[in-house]
């Protein structure tokens, strides 16, 4: 289990993937993100969720690179990073609810911003229409 300089564990469980260490350089990126989150104004619970989601994103990128799917390193420059984030978001949209995908999008966007990779430009999913409130007859 890796720890950041503040002693926080950066190994997080990811649904369907089990728990494990990230390979270099992804482990270092996750530690850097954990350190950046520590100084943020996000609630502790939000920081934990963002860190877990960033870990899932990095694990996905590592698997994509290991499988030879993207050309080059997806986090080496802003253009490649944006392409990776968009591909990850597309992969998620078929496997989870729009609300979950949007939450992951927010975490990936935050990861990119805090580490200076540039914004992803992934739009938020449209909000669902409000539920109709039944009118009570009195």
C-alpha atoms as a PDB file:
ATOM      1  CA  UNK A   1       0.000   0.000   0.000  1.00  0.00           C
ATOM      2  CA  UNK A   2       1.436   3.382  -1.011  1.00  0.00           C
ATOM      3  CA  UNK A   3       1.139   6.398   1.203  1.00  0.00           C
ATOM      4  CA  UNK A   4       1.279  10.079   0.419  1.00  0.00           C
ATOM      5  CA  UNK A   5       3.569  12.408   2.313  1.00  0.00           C
ATOM      6  CA  UNK A   6       0.753  13.025   4.808  1.00  0.00           C
ATOM      7  CA  UNK A   7       0.491   9.291   5.557  1.00  0.00           C
ATOM      8  CA  UNK A   8      -2.799   8.657   3.748  1.00  0.00           C
ATOM      9  CA  UNK A   9      -3.182   5.362   1.951  1.00  0.00           C
ATOM     10  CA  UNK A  10      -3.698   5.870  -1.778  1.00  0.00           C
ATOM     11  CA  UNK A  11      -4.771   2.321  -2.555  1.00  0.00           C
ATOM     12  CA  UNK A  12      -8.524   2.348  -3.000  1.00  0.00           C
ATOM     13  CA  UNK A  13     -10.889  -0.473  -3.945  1.00  0.00           C
ATOM     14  CA  UNK A  14     -12.447  -0.127  -7.380  1.00  0.00           C
ATOM     15  CA  UNK A  15     -15.627  -2.024  -8.170  1.00  0.00           C
ATOM     16  CA  UNK A  16     -14.913  -4.998 -10.370  1.00  0.00           C
ATOM     17  CA  UNK A  17     -11.154  -4.566 -10.275  1.00  0.00           C
ATOM     18  CA  UNK A  18     -10.117  -5.601  -6.790  1.00  0.00           C
ATOM     19  CA  UNK A  19      -7.530  -3.820  -4.731  1.00  0.00           C
ATOM     20  CA  UNK A  20      -3.988  -3.453  -5.946  1.00  0.00           C
ATOM     21  CA  UNK A  21      -1.161  -1.108  -6.473  1.00  0.00           C
ATOM     22  CA  UNK A  22      -1.025   1.111  -9.509  1.00  0.00           C
ATOM     23  CA  UNK A  23       2.031   0.772 -11.712  1.00  0.00           C
ATOM     24  CA  UNK A  24       4.449   3.653 -12.177  1.00  0.00           C
ATOM     25  CA  UNK A  25       3.889   6.430 -13.169  1.00  0.00           C
ATOM     26  CA  UNK A  26       0.214   6.179 -12.196  1.00  0.00           C
ATOM     27  CA  UNK A  27       0.973   5.577  -8.523  1.00  0.00           C
ATOM     28  CA  UNK A  28       2.915   8.846  -8.400  1.00  0.00           C
ATOM     29  CA  UNK A  29       0.104  10.719 -10.110  1.00  0.00           C
ATOM     30  CA  UNK A  30      -2.374   9.363  -7.582  1.00  0.00           C
ATOM     31  CA  UNK A  31      -0.113  10.422  -4.694  1.00  0.00           C
ATOM     32  CA  UNK A  32       0.252  13.890  -6.205  1.00  0.00           C
ATOM     33  CA  UNK A  33      -3.511  14.127  -6.558  1.00  0.00           C
ATOM     34  CA  UNK A  34      -4.025  12.937  -2.962  1.00  0.00           C
ATOM     35  CA  UNK A  35      -1.662  15.672  -1.789  1.00  0.00           C
ATOM     36  CA  UNK A  36      -3.475  18.286  -3.882  1.00  0.00           C
ATOM     37  CA  UNK A  37      -6.839  17.154  -2.517  1.00  0.00           C
ATOM     38  CA  UNK A  38      -5.586  17.402   1.043  1.00  0.00           C
ATOM     39  CA  UNK A  39      -5.275  21.166   0.640  1.00  0.00           C
ATOM     40  CA  UNK A  40      -8.673  21.557  -1.010  1.00  0.00           C
ATOM     41  CA  UNK A  41     -11.868  22.889   0.498  1.00  0.00           C
ATOM     42  CA  UNK A  42     -13.758  19.714  -0.397  1.00  0.00           C
ATOM     43  CA  UNK A  43     -15.325  17.762   2.443  1.00  0.00           C
ATOM     44  CA  UNK A  44     -13.299  14.765   3.648  1.00  0.00           C
ATOM     45  CA  UNK A  45     -15.922  12.368   2.255  1.00  0.00           C
ATOM     46  CA  UNK A  46     -15.812  14.089  -1.163  1.00  0.00           C
ATOM     47  CA  UNK A  47     -12.008  13.919  -1.199  1.00  0.00           C
ATOM     48  CA  UNK A  48     -12.199  10.163  -0.527  1.00  0.00           C
ATOM     49  CA  UNK A  49     -14.707   9.656  -3.358  1.00  0.00           C
ATOM     50  CA  UNK A  50     -12.685  11.791  -5.787  1.00  0.00           C
ATOM     51  CA  UNK A  51      -9.507   9.916  -4.892  1.00  0.00           C
ATOM     52  CA  UNK A  52     -11.197   6.537  -5.384  1.00  0.00           C
ATOM     53  CA  UNK A  53     -12.611   7.646  -8.735  1.00  0.00           C
ATOM     54  CA  UNK A  54      -9.263   9.041  -9.870  1.00  0.00           C
ATOM     55  CA  UNK A  55      -7.677   5.719  -8.943  1.00  0.00           C
ATOM     56  CA  UNK A  56     -10.249   3.911 -11.099  1.00  0.00           C
ATOM     57  CA  UNK A  57      -9.492   6.289 -13.960  1.00  0.00           C
ATOM     58  CA  UNK A  58      -5.757   5.702 -13.646  1.00  0.00           C
ATOM     59  CA  UNK A  59      -6.263   1.925 -13.421  1.00  0.00           C
ATOM     60  CA  UNK A  60      -8.324   2.095 -16.617  1.00  0.00           C
ATOM     61  CA  UNK A  61      -5.599   4.099 -18.374  1.00  0.00           C
ATOM     62  CA  UNK A  62      -2.946   1.625 -17.200  1.00  0.00           C
ATOM     63  CA  UNK A  63      -5.010  -1.267 -18.580  1.00  0.00           C
ATOM     64  CA  UNK A  64      -5.535   0.569 -21.879  1.00  0.00           C
ATOM     65  CA  UNK A  65      -1.803   1.256 -22.220  1.00  0.00           C
ATOM     66  CA  UNK A  66      -0.937  -2.339 -21.292  1.00  0.00           C
ATOM     67  CA  UNK A  67      -3.369  -3.524 -23.959  1.00  0.00           C
ATOM     68  CA  UNK A  68      -1.750  -1.258 -26.550  1.00  0.00           C
ATOM     69  CA  UNK A  69      -4.975   0.600 -27.252  1.00  0.00           C
ATOM     70  CA  UNK A  70      -3.978   4.265 -27.070  1.00  0.00           C
ATOM     71  CA  UNK A  71      -1.023   5.424 -29.091  1.00  0.00           C
ATOM     72  CA  UNK A  72       1.591   6.695 -26.655  1.00  0.00           C
ATOM     73  CA  UNK A  73       1.036   7.748 -23.059  1.00  0.00           C
ATOM     74  CA  UNK A  74      -2.430   9.226 -22.451  1.00  0.00           C
ATOM     75  CA  UNK A  75      -1.282  11.559 -19.674  1.00  0.00           C
ATOM     76  CA  UNK A  76       1.893  12.814 -21.354  1.00  0.00           C
ATOM     77  CA  UNK A  77       0.316  15.944 -22.805  1.00  0.00           C
ATOM     78  CA  UNK A  78      -2.956  17.835 -22.565  1.00  0.00           C
ATOM     79  CA  UNK A  79      -4.361  16.618 -25.872  1.00  0.00           C
ATOM     80  CA  UNK A  80      -3.735  12.953 -25.054  1.00  0.00           C
ATOM     81  CA  UNK A  81      -5.075  13.471 -21.524  1.00  0.00           C
ATOM     82  CA  UNK A  82      -8.310  14.976 -22.825  1.00  0.00           C
ATOM     83  CA  UNK A  83      -8.721  12.107 -25.289  1.00  0.00           C
ATOM     84  CA  UNK A  84      -8.200   9.586 -22.482  1.00  0.00           C
ATOM     85  CA  UNK A  85     -10.723  11.316 -20.206  1.00  0.00           C
ATOM     86  CA  UNK A  86     -13.334  11.378 -22.966  1.00  0.00           C
ATOM     87  CA  UNK A  87     -12.748   7.721 -23.830  1.00  0.00           C
ATOM     88  CA  UNK A  88     -13.096   6.788 -20.154  1.00  0.00           C
ATOM     89  CA  UNK A  89     -16.322   8.747 -19.879  1.00  0.00           C
ATOM     90  CA  UNK A  90     -17.709   7.006 -22.990  1.00  0.00           C
ATOM     91  CA  UNK A  91     -16.747   3.630 -21.511  1.00  0.00           C
ATOM     92  CA  UNK A  92     -18.566   4.485 -18.276  1.00  0.00           C
ATOM     93  CA  UNK A  93     -21.771   5.779 -19.813  1.00  0.00           C
ATOM     94  CA  UNK A  94     -22.774   2.325 -20.991  1.00  0.00           C
ATOM     95  CA  UNK A  95     -22.007   0.675 -17.631  1.00  0.00           C
ATOM     96  CA  UNK A  96     -23.503   3.014 -15.037  1.00  0.00           C
ATOM     97  CA  UNK A  97     -26.263   5.525 -14.511  1.00  0.00           C
ATOM     98  CA  UNK A  98     -25.913   9.015 -15.953  1.00  0.00           C
ATOM     99  CA  UNK A  99     -25.686  10.378 -12.411  1.00  0.00           C
ATOM    100  CA  UNK A 100     -22.780   8.085 -11.534  1.00  0.00           C
ATOM    101  CA  UNK A 101     -21.032   8.825 -14.836  1.00  0.00           C
ATOM    102  CA  UNK A 102     -21.448  12.534 -14.144  1.00  0.00           C
ATOM    103  CA  UNK A 103     -19.944  12.128 -10.664  1.00  0.00           C
ATOM    104  CA  UNK A 104     -16.967  10.299 -12.128  1.00  0.00           C
ATOM    105  CA  UNK A 105     -16.678  13.013 -14.785  1.00  0.00           C
ATOM    106  CA  UNK A 106     -16.462  15.621 -12.037  1.00  0.00           C
ATOM    107  CA  UNK A 107     -13.703  13.674 -10.266  1.00  0.00           C
ATOM    108  CA  UNK A 108     -11.729  13.180 -13.496  1.00  0.00           C
ATOM    109  CA  UNK A 109     -12.161  16.867 -14.322  1.00  0.00           C
ATOM    110  CA  UNK A 110     -10.869  17.770 -10.851  1.00  0.00           C
ATOM    111  CA  UNK A 111      -7.934  15.364 -11.262  1.00  0.00           C
ATOM    112  CA  UNK A 112      -6.986  16.985 -14.569  1.00  0.00           C
ATOM    113  CA  UNK A 113      -7.324  20.496 -13.202  1.00  0.00           C
ATOM    114  CA  UNK A 114      -5.364  19.957  -9.981  1.00  0.00           C
ATOM    115  CA  UNK A 115      -2.511  18.203 -11.788  1.00  0.00           C
ATOM    116  CA  UNK A 116      -2.310  20.812 -14.549  1.00  0.00           C
ATOM    117  CA  UNK A 117      -3.434  18.482 -17.342  1.00  0.00           C
ATOM    118  CA  UNK A 118      -6.080  20.932 -18.525  1.00  0.00           C
ATOM    119  CA  UNK A 119      -9.836  20.610 -18.454  1.00  0.00           C
ATOM    120  CA  UNK A 120     -11.474  17.656 -20.160  1.00  0.00           C
ATOM    121  CA  UNK A 121     -14.354  19.609 -21.685  1.00  0.00           C
ATOM    122  CA  UNK A 122     -16.706  16.698 -21.050  1.00  0.00           C
ATOM    123  CA  UNK A 123     -20.190  18.190 -20.702  1.00  0.00           C
ATOM    124  CA  UNK A 124     -22.413  17.296 -17.796  1.00  0.00           C
ATOM    125  CA  UNK A 125     -25.341  15.063 -18.548  1.00  0.00           C
ATOM    126  CA  UNK A 126     -28.598  16.969 -18.804  1.00  0.00           C
ATOM    127  CA  UNK A 127     -30.470  17.064 -15.538  1.00  0.00           C
ATOM    128  CA  UNK A 128     -33.491  14.784 -15.444  1.00  0.00           C
ATOM    129  CA  UNK A 129     -36.827  16.544 -15.392  1.00  0.00           C
ATOM    130  CA  UNK A 130     -38.175  17.164 -11.915  1.00  0.00           C
ATOM    131  CA  UNK A 131     -40.633  14.685 -10.546  1.00  0.00           C
ATOM    132  CA  UNK A 132     -44.165  15.916 -10.683  1.00  0.00           C
ATOM    133  CA  UNK A 133     -45.627  16.691  -7.309  1.00  0.00           C
ATOM    134  CA  UNK A 134     -49.156  15.365  -7.025  1.00  0.00           C
ATOM    135  CA  UNK A 135     -51.751  17.984  -6.266  1.00  0.00           C
ATOM    136  CA  UNK A 136     -53.784  17.139  -3.194  1.00  0.00           C
ATOM    137  CA  UNK A 137     -57.436  17.838  -3.340  1.00  0.00           C
ATOM    138  CA  UNK A 138     -58.749  19.177  -0.093  1.00  0.00           C
END
